[in-house]
Amino acid sequence: MIRVSDDWIIEVEPLCYTLKKDLRKTVKAKDGKTMVPAYKTIGYFSSPDKALNRLGEEIIRDKLSKPLRGLGEVAEAIREARDEWHELVQLVTEGKA
């Protein structure tokens, strides 16, 4: 598993890379006894690059889902989302995530 940030992980599986959002809660495991972290699966990807690119789209989508007043605020939200994504990718590629 690659922890990209407090909110995002990429599960490394034999046939794909799965981008997941950390829901910051725990749920009962299939055994009914153990508590495990809850994640929302965003998608399955053939490479870590594709999973990280999708993460960028999700960060933008999250920013744009908040009420914005005009085109200037939309542009600023996209700029902020891209900056956040670039920082996350840099942390992952440097092995600091």
PDB file of N, CA and C in Angstrom:
ATOM      1  N   MET A   1       0.847  -1.168   0.000  1.00  0.00           N
ATOM      2  CA  MET A   1       0.000   0.000   0.000  1.00  0.00           C
ATOM      3  C   MET A   1       0.900   1.242   0.000  1.00  0.00           C
ATOM      4  N   ILE A   2       0.502   2.212  -0.801  1.00  0.00           N
ATOM      5  CA  ILE A   2       1.194   3.495  -0.847  1.00  0.00           C
ATOM      6  C   ILE A   2       0.268   4.527  -0.202  1.00  0.00           C
ATOM      7  N   ARG A   3       0.690   5.093   0.915  1.00  0.00           N
ATOM      8  CA  ARG A   3      -0.096   6.159   1.538  1.00  0.00           C
ATOM      9  C   ARG A   3       0.352   7.454   0.886  1.00  0.00           C
ATOM     10  N   VAL A   4      -0.532   8.042   0.079  1.00  0.00           N
ATOM     11  CA  VAL A   4      -0.219   9.273  -0.642  1.00  0.00           C
ATOM     12  C   VAL A   4      -0.394  10.472   0.279  1.00  0.00           C
ATOM     13  N   SER A   5      -1.450  10.460   1.074  1.00  0.00           N
ATOM     14  CA  SER A   5      -1.717  11.529   2.043  1.00  0.00           C
ATOM     15  C   SER A   5      -2.629  10.953   3.111  1.00  0.00           C
ATOM     16  N   ASP A   6      -3.082  11.797   4.029  1.00  0.00           N
ATOM     17  CA  ASP A   6      -4.023  11.331   5.053  1.00  0.00           C
ATOM     18  C   ASP A   6      -5.335  10.864   4.435  1.00  0.00           C
ATOM     19  N   ASP A   7      -5.660  11.415   3.264  1.00  0.00           N
ATOM     20  CA  ASP A   7      -6.946  11.118   2.615  1.00  0.00           C
ATOM     21  C   ASP A   7      -6.890  10.053   1.528  1.00  0.00           C
ATOM     22  N   TRP A   8      -5.713   9.741   1.000  1.00  0.00           N
ATOM     23  CA  TRP A   8      -5.620   8.897  -0.185  1.00  0.00           C
ATOM     24  C   TRP A   8      -4.568   7.795  -0.042  1.00  0.00           C
ATOM     25  N   ILE A   9      -4.921   6.604  -0.579  1.00  0.00           N
ATOM     26  CA  ILE A   9      -3.964   5.507  -0.664  1.00  0.00           C
ATOM     27  C   ILE A   9      -4.054   4.878  -2.050  1.00  0.00           C
ATOM     28  N   ILE A  10      -2.985   4.197  -2.421  1.00  0.00           N
ATOM     29  CA  ILE A  10      -3.000   3.368  -3.623  1.00  0.00           C
ATOM     30  C   ILE A  10      -2.634   1.966  -3.180  1.00  0.00           C
ATOM     31  N   GLU A  11      -3.566   1.034  -3.348  1.00  0.00           N
ATOM     32  CA  GLU A  11      -3.316  -0.368  -3.048  1.00  0.00           C
ATOM     33  C   GLU A  11      -2.575  -0.973  -4.236  1.00  0.00           C
ATOM     34  N   VAL A  12      -1.474  -1.636  -3.957  1.00  0.00           N
ATOM     35  CA  VAL A  12      -0.700  -2.302  -5.000  1.00  0.00           C
ATOM     36  C   VAL A  12      -1.119  -3.767  -4.990  1.00  0.00           C
ATOM     37  N   GLU A  13      -1.757  -4.193  -6.079  1.00  0.00           N
ATOM     38  CA  GLU A  13      -2.261  -5.556  -6.185  1.00  0.00           C
ATOM     39  C   GLU A  13      -1.575  -6.250  -7.357  1.00  0.00           C
ATOM     40  N   PRO A  14      -1.654  -7.567  -7.439  1.00  0.00           N
ATOM     41  CA  PRO A  14      -0.943  -8.272  -8.506  1.00  0.00           C
ATOM     42  C   PRO A  14      -1.311  -7.830  -9.929  1.00  0.00           C
ATOM     43  N   LEU A  15      -2.567  -7.457 -10.151  1.00  0.00           N
ATOM     44  CA  LEU A  15      -2.999  -7.128 -11.507  1.00  0.00           C
ATOM     45  C   LEU A  15      -3.340  -5.655 -11.724  1.00  0.00           C
ATOM     46  N   CYS A  16      -3.326  -4.853 -10.650  1.00  0.00           N
ATOM     47  CA  CYS A  16      -3.689  -3.448 -10.827  1.00  0.00           C
ATOM     48  C   CYS A  16      -3.271  -2.615  -9.622  1.00  0.00           C
ATOM     49  N   TYR A  17      -3.501  -1.323  -9.753  1.00  0.00           N
ATOM     50  CA  TYR A  17      -3.299  -0.351  -8.685  1.00  0.00           C
ATOM     51  C   TYR A  17      -4.662   0.252  -8.404  1.00  0.00           C
ATOM     52  N   THR A  18      -5.079   0.235  -7.144  1.00  0.00           N
ATOM     53  CA  THR A  18      -6.410   0.705  -6.784  1.00  0.00           C
ATOM     54  C   THR A  18      -6.308   1.998  -5.985  1.00  0.00           C
ATOM     55  N   LEU A  19      -6.909   3.059  -6.520  1.00  0.00           N
ATOM     56  CA  LEU A  19      -6.954   4.342  -5.826  1.00  0.00           C
ATOM     57  C   LEU A  19      -8.143   4.323  -4.870  1.00  0.00           C
ATOM     58  N   LYS A  20      -7.864   4.663  -3.592  1.00  0.00           N
ATOM     59  CA  LYS A  20      -8.912   4.650  -2.582  1.00  0.00           C
ATOM     60  C   LYS A  20      -8.844   5.918  -1.736  1.00  0.00           C
ATOM     61  N   LYS A  21     -10.017   6.391  -1.354  1.00  0.00           N
ATOM     62  CA  LYS A  21     -10.113   7.538  -0.442  1.00  0.00           C
ATOM     63  C   LYS A  21     -10.345   7.004   0.963  1.00  0.00           C
ATOM     64  N   ASP A  22      -9.546   7.479   1.901  1.00  0.00           N
ATOM     65  CA  ASP A  22      -9.683   7.074   3.293  1.00  0.00           C
ATOM     66  C   ASP A  22     -10.895   7.790   3.884  1.00  0.00           C
ATOM     67  N   LEU A  23     -11.852   7.039   4.372  1.00  0.00           N
ATOM     68  CA  LEU A  23     -13.079   7.613   4.922  1.00  0.00           C
ATOM     69  C   LEU A  23     -12.917   8.017   6.384  1.00  0.00           C
ATOM     70  N   ARG A  24     -11.747   7.761   6.944  1.00  0.00           N
ATOM     71  CA  ARG A  24     -11.416   8.148   8.320  1.00  0.00           C
ATOM     72  C   ARG A  24     -12.390   7.577   9.345  1.00  0.00           C
ATOM     73  N   LYS A  25     -12.738   6.329   9.133  1.00  0.00           N
ATOM     74  CA  LYS A  25     -13.541   5.609  10.114  1.00  0.00           C
ATOM     75  C   LYS A  25     -13.186   4.130   9.998  1.00  0.00           C
ATOM     76  N   THR A  26     -13.655   3.344  10.941  1.00  0.00           N
ATOM     77  CA  THR A  26     -13.408   1.908  10.887  1.00  0.00           C
ATOM     78  C   THR A  26     -14.736   1.175  10.805  1.00  0.00           C
ATOM     79  N   VAL A  27     -14.670   0.009  10.219  1.00  0.00           N
ATOM     80  CA  VAL A  27     -15.836  -0.860  10.079  1.00  0.00           C
ATOM     81  C   VAL A  27     -15.421  -2.271  10.472  1.00  0.00           C
ATOM     82  N   LYS A  28     -16.394  -3.107  10.730  1.00  0.00           N
ATOM     83  CA  LYS A  28     -16.095  -4.497  11.072  1.00  0.00           C
ATOM     84  C   LYS A  28     -15.603  -5.247   9.839  1.00  0.00           C
ATOM     85  N   ALA A  29     -14.586  -6.057  10.044  1.00  0.00           N
ATOM     86  CA  ALA A  29     -14.060  -6.903   8.969  1.00  0.00           C
ATOM     87  C   ALA A  29     -15.043  -8.047   8.715  1.00  0.00           C
ATOM     88  N   LYS A  30     -14.749  -8.842   7.697  1.00  0.00           N
ATOM     89  CA  LYS A  30     -15.640  -9.947   7.333  1.00  0.00           C
ATOM     90  C   LYS A  30     -15.801 -10.964   8.454  1.00  0.00           C
ATOM     91  N   ASP A  31     -14.780 -11.060   9.320  1.00  0.00           N
ATOM     92  CA  ASP A  31     -14.885 -12.004  10.439  1.00  0.00           C
ATOM     93  C   ASP A  31     -15.873 -11.530  11.505  1.00  0.00           C
ATOM     94  N   GLY A  32     -16.310 -10.274  11.399  1.00  0.00           N
ATOM     95  CA  GLY A  32     -17.295  -9.732  12.315  1.00  0.00           C
ATOM     96  C   GLY A  32     -16.736  -9.291  13.654  1.00  0.00           C
ATOM     97  N   LYS A  33     -15.450  -9.453  13.843  1.00  0.00           N
ATOM     98  CA  LYS A  33     -14.845  -9.126  15.133  1.00  0.00           C
ATOM     99  C   LYS A  33     -13.861  -7.969  15.036  1.00  0.00           C
ATOM    100  N   THR A  34     -13.003  -8.021  14.069  1.00  0.00           N
ATOM    101  CA  THR A  34     -11.944  -7.019  13.948  1.00  0.00           C
ATOM    102  C   THR A  34     -12.450  -5.761  13.272  1.00  0.00           C
ATOM    103  N   MET A  35     -11.899  -4.632  13.707  1.00  0.00           N
ATOM    104  CA  MET A  35     -12.216  -3.358  13.074  1.00  0.00           C
ATOM    105  C   MET A  35     -11.088  -3.006  12.099  1.00  0.00           C
ATOM    106  N   VAL A  36     -11.477  -2.589  10.893  1.00  0.00           N
ATOM    107  CA  VAL A  36     -10.496  -2.239   9.857  1.00  0.00           C
ATOM    108  C   VAL A  36     -10.832  -0.858   9.291  1.00  0.00           C
ATOM    109  N   PRO A  37      -9.836  -0.159   8.727  1.00  0.00           N
ATOM    110  CA  PRO A  37     -10.114   1.158   8.134  1.00  0.00           C
ATOM    111  C   PRO A  37     -11.093   1.035   6.960  1.00  0.00           C
ATOM    112  N   ALA A  38     -11.931   2.048   6.798  1.00  0.00           N
ATOM    113  CA  ALA A  38     -12.894   2.072   5.691  1.00  0.00           C
ATOM    114  C   ALA A  38     -12.353   2.955   4.572  1.00  0.00           C
ATOM    115  N   TYR A  39     -12.439   2.447   3.347  1.00  0.00           N
ATOM    116  CA  TYR A  39     -11.987   3.170   2.169  1.00  0.00           C
ATOM    117  C   TYR A  39     -13.084   3.167   1.115  1.00  0.00           C
ATOM    118  N   LYS A  40     -13.105   4.212   0.291  1.00  0.00           N
ATOM    119  CA  LYS A  40     -13.992   4.254  -0.869  1.00  0.00           C
ATOM    120  C   LYS A  40     -13.106   4.038  -2.100  1.00  0.00           C
ATOM    121  N   THR A  41     -13.398   2.996  -2.872  1.00  0.00           N
ATOM    122  CA  THR A  41     -12.618   2.720  -4.071  1.00  0.00           C
ATOM    123  C   THR A  41     -13.016   3.695  -5.173  1.00  0.00           C
ATOM    124  N   ILE A  42     -12.010   4.359  -5.734  1.00  0.00           N
ATOM    125  CA  ILE A  42     -12.239   5.331  -6.800  1.00  0.00           C
ATOM    126  C   ILE A  42     -12.051   4.690  -8.163  1.00  0.00           C
ATOM    127  N   GLY A  43     -11.064   3.802  -8.283  1.00  0.00           N
ATOM    128  CA  GLY A  43     -10.855   3.159  -9.574  1.00  0.00           C
ATOM    129  C   GLY A  43      -9.673   2.211  -9.559  1.00  0.00           C
ATOM    130  N   TYR A  44      -9.599   1.418 -10.628  1.00  0.00           N
ATOM    131  CA  TYR A  44      -8.541   0.434 -10.815  1.00  0.00           C
ATOM    132  C   TYR A  44      -7.708   0.857 -12.017  1.00  0.00           C
ATOM    133  N   PHE A  45      -6.382   0.790 -11.877  1.00  0.00           N
ATOM    134  CA  PHE A  45      -5.501   1.322 -12.914  1.00  0.00           C
ATOM    135  C   PHE A  45      -4.376   0.354 -13.235  1.00  0.00           C
ATOM    136  N   SER A  46      -3.879   0.437 -14.454  1.00  0.00           N
ATOM    137  CA  SER A  46      -2.829  -0.476 -14.905  1.00  0.00           C
ATOM    138  C   SER A  46      -1.432  -0.027 -14.486  1.00  0.00           C
ATOM    139  N   SER A  47      -1.303   1.211 -14.000  1.00  0.00           N
ATOM    140  CA  SER A  47       0.006   1.701 -13.583  1.00  0.00           C
ATOM    141  C   SER A  47      -0.167   2.707 -12.441  1.00  0.00           C
ATOM    142  N   PRO A  48       0.885   2.891 -11.645  1.00  0.00           N
ATOM    143  CA  PRO A  48       0.781   3.898 -10.586  1.00  0.00           C
ATOM    144  C   PRO A  48       0.632   5.308 -11.146  1.00  0.00           C
ATOM    145  N   ASP A  49       1.224   5.572 -12.326  1.00  0.00           N
ATOM    146  CA  ASP A  49       1.079   6.887 -12.954  1.00  0.00           C
ATOM    147  C   ASP A  49      -0.381   7.209 -13.232  1.00  0.00           C
ATOM    148  N   LYS A  50      -1.104   6.228 -13.753  1.00  0.00           N
ATOM    149  CA  LYS A  50      -2.517   6.452 -14.079  1.00  0.00           C
ATOM    150  C   LYS A  50      -3.338   6.666 -12.814  1.00  0.00           C
ATOM    151  N   ALA A  51      -3.001   5.940 -11.746  1.00  0.00           N
ATOM    152  CA  ALA A  51      -3.708   6.134 -10.474  1.00  0.00           C
ATOM    153  C   ALA A  51      -3.444   7.536  -9.925  1.00  0.00           C
ATOM    154  N   LEU A  52      -2.203   7.995 -10.015  1.00  0.00           N
ATOM    155  CA  LEU A  52      -1.876   9.339  -9.537  1.00  0.00           C
ATOM    156  C   LEU A  52      -2.539  10.424 -10.381  1.00  0.00           C
ATOM    157  N   ASN A  53      -2.630  10.196 -11.694  1.00  0.00           N
ATOM    158  CA  ASN A  53      -3.323  11.166 -12.555  1.00  0.00           C
ATOM    159  C   ASN A  53      -4.797  11.259 -12.180  1.00  0.00           C
ATOM    160  N   ARG A  54      -5.416  10.137 -11.893  1.00  0.00           N
ATOM    161  CA  ARG A  54      -6.816  10.149 -11.475  1.00  0.00           C
ATOM    162  C   ARG A  54      -6.967  10.863 -10.138  1.00  0.00           C
ATOM    163  N   LEU A  55      -5.981  10.683  -9.267  1.00  0.00           N
ATOM    164  CA  LEU A  55      -6.000  11.391  -7.992  1.00  0.00           C
ATOM    165  C   LEU A  55      -6.057  12.898  -8.226  1.00  0.00           C
ATOM    166  N   GLY A  56      -5.292  13.390  -9.203  1.00  0.00           N
ATOM    167  CA  GLY A  56      -5.338  14.811  -9.538  1.00  0.00           C
ATOM    168  C   GLY A  56      -6.726  15.257  -9.935  1.00  0.00           C
ATOM    169  N   GLU A  57      -7.404  14.444 -10.735  1.00  0.00           N
ATOM    170  CA  GLU A  57      -8.779  14.764 -11.142  1.00  0.00           C
ATOM    171  C   GLU A  57      -9.719  14.777  -9.934  1.00  0.00           C
ATOM    172  N   GLU A  58      -9.519  13.839  -9.013  1.00  0.00           N
ATOM    173  CA  GLU A  58     -10.378  13.770  -7.822  1.00  0.00           C
ATOM    174  C   GLU A  58     -10.173  14.973  -6.912  1.00  0.00           C
ATOM    175  N   ILE A  59      -8.933  15.416  -6.782  1.00  0.00           N
ATOM    176  CA  ILE A  59      -8.663  16.600  -5.955  1.00  0.00           C
ATOM    177  C   ILE A  59      -9.357  17.818  -6.551  1.00  0.00           C
ATOM    178  N   ILE A  60      -9.284  17.967  -7.873  1.00  0.00           N
ATOM    179  CA  ILE A  60      -9.985  19.077  -8.538  1.00  0.00           C
ATOM    180  C   ILE A  60     -11.487  18.958  -8.324  1.00  0.00           C
ATOM    181  N   ARG A  61     -12.020  17.759  -8.492  1.00  0.00           N
ATOM    182  CA  ARG A  61     -13.461  17.546  -8.315  1.00  0.00           C
ATOM    183  C   ARG A  61     -13.896  17.900  -6.897  1.00  0.00           C
ATOM    184  N   ASP A  62     -13.097  17.500  -5.903  1.00  0.00           N
ATOM    185  CA  ASP A  62     -13.425  17.839  -4.517  1.00  0.00           C
ATOM    186  C   ASP A  62     -13.469  19.349  -4.313  1.00  0.00           C
ATOM    187  N   LYS A  63     -12.492  20.066  -4.871  1.00  0.00           N
ATOM    188  CA  LYS A  63     -12.450  21.530  -4.720  1.00  0.00           C
ATOM    189  C   LYS A  63     -13.650  22.189  -5.403  1.00  0.00           C
ATOM    190  N   LEU A  64     -14.020  21.686  -6.583  1.00  0.00           N
ATOM    191  CA  LEU A  64     -15.111  22.300  -7.341  1.00  0.00           C
ATOM    192  C   LEU A  64     -16.491  21.927  -6.801  1.00  0.00           C
ATOM    193  N   SER A  65     -16.553  20.941  -5.921  1.00  0.00           N
ATOM    194  CA  SER A  65     -17.853  20.553  -5.364  1.00  0.00           C
ATOM    195  C   SER A  65     -18.314  21.532  -4.283  1.00  0.00           C
ATOM    196  N   LYS A  66     -17.410  22.404  -3.835  1.00  0.00           N
ATOM    197  CA  LYS A  66     -17.768  23.420  -2.850  1.00  0.00           C
ATOM    198  C   LYS A  66     -18.360  24.634  -3.562  1.00  0.00           C
ATOM    199  N   PRO A  67     -19.246  25.365  -2.898  1.00  0.00           N
ATOM    200  CA  PRO A  67     -19.850  26.540  -3.540  1.00  0.00           C
ATOM    201  C   PRO A  67     -18.792  27.584  -3.934  1.00  0.00           C
ATOM    202  N   LEU A  68     -18.806  27.976  -5.186  1.00  0.00           N
ATOM    203  CA  LEU A  68     -17.888  29.001  -5.696  1.00  0.00           C
ATOM    204  C   LEU A  68     -18.714  30.114  -6.320  1.00  0.00           C
ATOM    205  N   ARG A  69     -18.218  31.339  -6.225  1.00  0.00           N
ATOM    206  CA  ARG A  69     -19.008  32.489  -6.677  1.00  0.00           C
ATOM    207  C   ARG A  69     -18.854  32.804  -8.151  1.00  0.00           C
ATOM    208  N   GLY A  70     -17.696  32.613  -8.696  1.00  0.00           N
ATOM    209  CA  GLY A  70     -17.518  33.009 -10.085  1.00  0.00           C
ATOM    210  C   GLY A  70     -16.356  32.271 -10.735  1.00  0.00           C
ATOM    211  N   LEU A  71     -16.105  32.621 -11.979  1.00  0.00           N
ATOM    212  CA  LEU A  71     -15.068  31.965 -12.756  1.00  0.00           C
ATOM    213  C   LEU A  71     -13.686  32.156 -12.134  1.00  0.00           C
ATOM    214  N   GLY A  72     -13.442  33.312 -11.541  1.00  0.00           N
ATOM    215  CA  GLY A  72     -12.162  33.560 -10.885  1.00  0.00           C
ATOM    216  C   GLY A  72     -11.923  32.593  -9.735  1.00  0.00           C
ATOM    217  N   GLU A  73     -12.954  32.339  -8.943  1.00  0.00           N
ATOM    218  CA  GLU A  73     -12.838  31.386  -7.835  1.00  0.00           C
ATOM    219  C   GLU A  73     -12.657  29.962  -8.348  1.00  0.00           C
ATOM    220  N   VAL A  74     -13.309  29.643  -9.448  1.00  0.00           N
ATOM    221  CA  VAL A  74     -13.147  28.312 -10.060  1.00  0.00           C
ATOM    222  C   VAL A  74     -11.704  28.132 -10.510  1.00  0.00           C
ATOM    223  N   ALA A  75     -11.161  29.139 -11.197  1.00  0.00           N
ATOM    224  CA  ALA A  75      -9.780  29.067 -11.666  1.00  0.00           C
ATOM    225  C   ALA A  75      -8.812  28.927 -10.495  1.00  0.00           C
ATOM    226  N   GLU A  76      -9.042  29.672  -9.427  1.00  0.00           N
ATOM    227  CA  GLU A  76      -8.180  29.589  -8.246  1.00  0.00           C
ATOM    228  C   GLU A  76      -8.283  28.216  -7.593  1.00  0.00           C
ATOM    229  N   ALA A  77      -9.481  27.659  -7.514  1.00  0.00           N
ATOM    230  CA  ALA A  77      -9.667  26.324  -6.925  1.00  0.00           C
ATOM    231  C   ALA A  77      -8.917  25.272  -7.747  1.00  0.00           C
ATOM    232  N   ILE A  78      -8.973  25.383  -9.064  1.00  0.00           N
ATOM    233  CA  ILE A  78      -8.252  24.433  -9.927  1.00  0.00           C
ATOM    234  C   ILE A  78      -6.752  24.589  -9.722  1.00  0.00           C
ATOM    235  N   ARG A  79      -6.280  25.822  -9.647  1.00  0.00           N
ATOM    236  CA  ARG A  79      -4.852  26.080  -9.420  1.00  0.00           C
ATOM    237  C   ARG A  79      -4.400  25.469  -8.084  1.00  0.00           C
ATOM    238  N   GLU A  80      -5.186  25.676  -7.036  1.00  0.00           N
ATOM    239  CA  GLU A  80      -4.866  25.121  -5.719  1.00  0.00           C
ATOM    240  C   GLU A  80      -4.842  23.589  -5.764  1.00  0.00           C
ATOM    241  N   ALA A  81      -5.815  22.998  -6.450  1.00  0.00           N
ATOM    242  CA  ALA A  81      -5.883  21.544  -6.557  1.00  0.00           C
ATOM    243  C   ALA A  81      -4.662  20.998  -7.295  1.00  0.00           C
ATOM    244  N   ARG A  82      -4.267  21.653  -8.363  1.00  0.00           N
ATOM    245  CA  ARG A  82      -3.080  21.202  -9.105  1.00  0.00           C
ATOM    246  C   ARG A  82      -1.821  21.325  -8.267  1.00  0.00           C
ATOM    247  N   ASP A  83      -1.696  22.410  -7.516  1.00  0.00           N
ATOM    248  CA  ASP A  83      -0.539  22.582  -6.637  1.00  0.00           C
ATOM    249  C   ASP A  83      -0.497  21.471  -5.584  1.00  0.00           C
ATOM    250  N   GLU A  84      -1.653  21.185  -4.997  1.00  0.00           N
ATOM    251  CA  GLU A  84      -1.734  20.114  -3.995  1.00  0.00           C
ATOM    252  C   GLU A  84      -1.325  18.779  -4.613  1.00  0.00           C
ATOM    253  N   TRP A  85      -1.820  18.500  -5.815  1.00  0.00           N
ATOM    254  CA  TRP A  85      -1.489  17.249  -6.511  1.00  0.00           C
ATOM    255  C   TRP A  85       0.011  17.168  -6.799  1.00  0.00           C
ATOM    256  N   HIS A  86       0.586  18.253  -7.285  1.00  0.00           N
ATOM    257  CA  HIS A  86       2.025  18.253  -7.581  1.00  0.00           C
ATOM    258  C   HIS A  86       2.839  17.969  -6.316  1.00  0.00           C
ATOM    259  N   GLU A  87       2.450  18.547  -5.197  1.00  0.00           N
ATOM    260  CA  GLU A  87       3.153  18.299  -3.939  1.00  0.00           C
ATOM    261  C   GLU A  87       3.041  16.834  -3.528  1.00  0.00           C
ATOM    262  N   LEU A  88       1.857  16.251  -3.664  1.00  0.00           N
ATOM    263  CA  LEU A  88       1.665  14.844  -3.322  1.00  0.00           C
ATOM    264  C   LEU A  88       2.503  13.937  -4.208  1.00  0.00           C
ATOM    265  N   VAL A  89       2.498  14.202  -5.509  1.00  0.00           N
ATOM    266  CA  VAL A  89       3.273  13.386  -6.437  1.00  0.00           C
ATOM    267  C   VAL A  89       4.768  13.495  -6.112  1.00  0.00           C
ATOM    268  N   GLN A  90       5.214  14.689  -5.778  1.00  0.00           N
ATOM    269  CA  GLN A  90       6.622  14.877  -5.429  1.00  0.00           C
ATOM    270  C   GLN A  90       6.974  14.079  -4.180  1.00  0.00           C
ATOM    271  N   LEU A  91       6.107  14.084  -3.176  1.00  0.00           N
ATOM    272  CA  LEU A  91       6.346  13.310  -1.977  1.00  0.00           C
ATOM    273  C   LEU A  91       6.412  11.813  -2.271  1.00  0.00           C
ATOM    274  N   VAL A  92       5.513  11.335  -3.123  1.00  0.00           N
ATOM    275  CA  VAL A  92       5.500   9.914  -3.478  1.00  0.00           C
ATOM    276  C   VAL A  92       6.751   9.536  -4.243  1.00  0.00           C
ATOM    277  N   THR A  93       7.129  10.347  -5.219  1.00  0.00           N
ATOM    278  CA  THR A  93       8.287  10.002  -6.047  1.00  0.00           C
ATOM    279  C   THR A  93       9.600  10.102  -5.272  1.00  0.00           C
ATOM    280  N   GLU A  94       9.625  10.940  -4.233  1.00  0.00           N
ATOM    281  CA  GLU A  94      10.825  11.042  -3.399  1.00  0.00           C
ATOM    282  C   GLU A  94      10.808  10.026  -2.262  1.00  0.00           C
ATOM    283  N   GLY A  95       9.712   9.262  -2.158  1.00  0.00           N
ATOM    284  CA  GLY A  95       9.614   8.250  -1.125  1.00  0.00           C
ATOM    285  C   GLY A  95       9.331   8.774   0.256  1.00  0.00           C
ATOM    286  N   LYS A  96       8.752   9.971   0.347  1.00  0.00           N
ATOM    287  CA  LYS A  96       8.467  10.581   1.652  1.00  0.00           C
ATOM    288  C   LYS A  96       7.025  10.451   2.070  1.00  0.00           C
ATOM    289  N   ALA A  97       6.196   9.866   1.219  1.00  0.00           N
ATOM    290  CA  ALA A  97       4.767   9.736   1.549  1.00  0.00           C
ATOM    291  C   ALA A  97       4.541   8.591   2.502  1.00  0.00           C
TER     292      ALA A  97
END
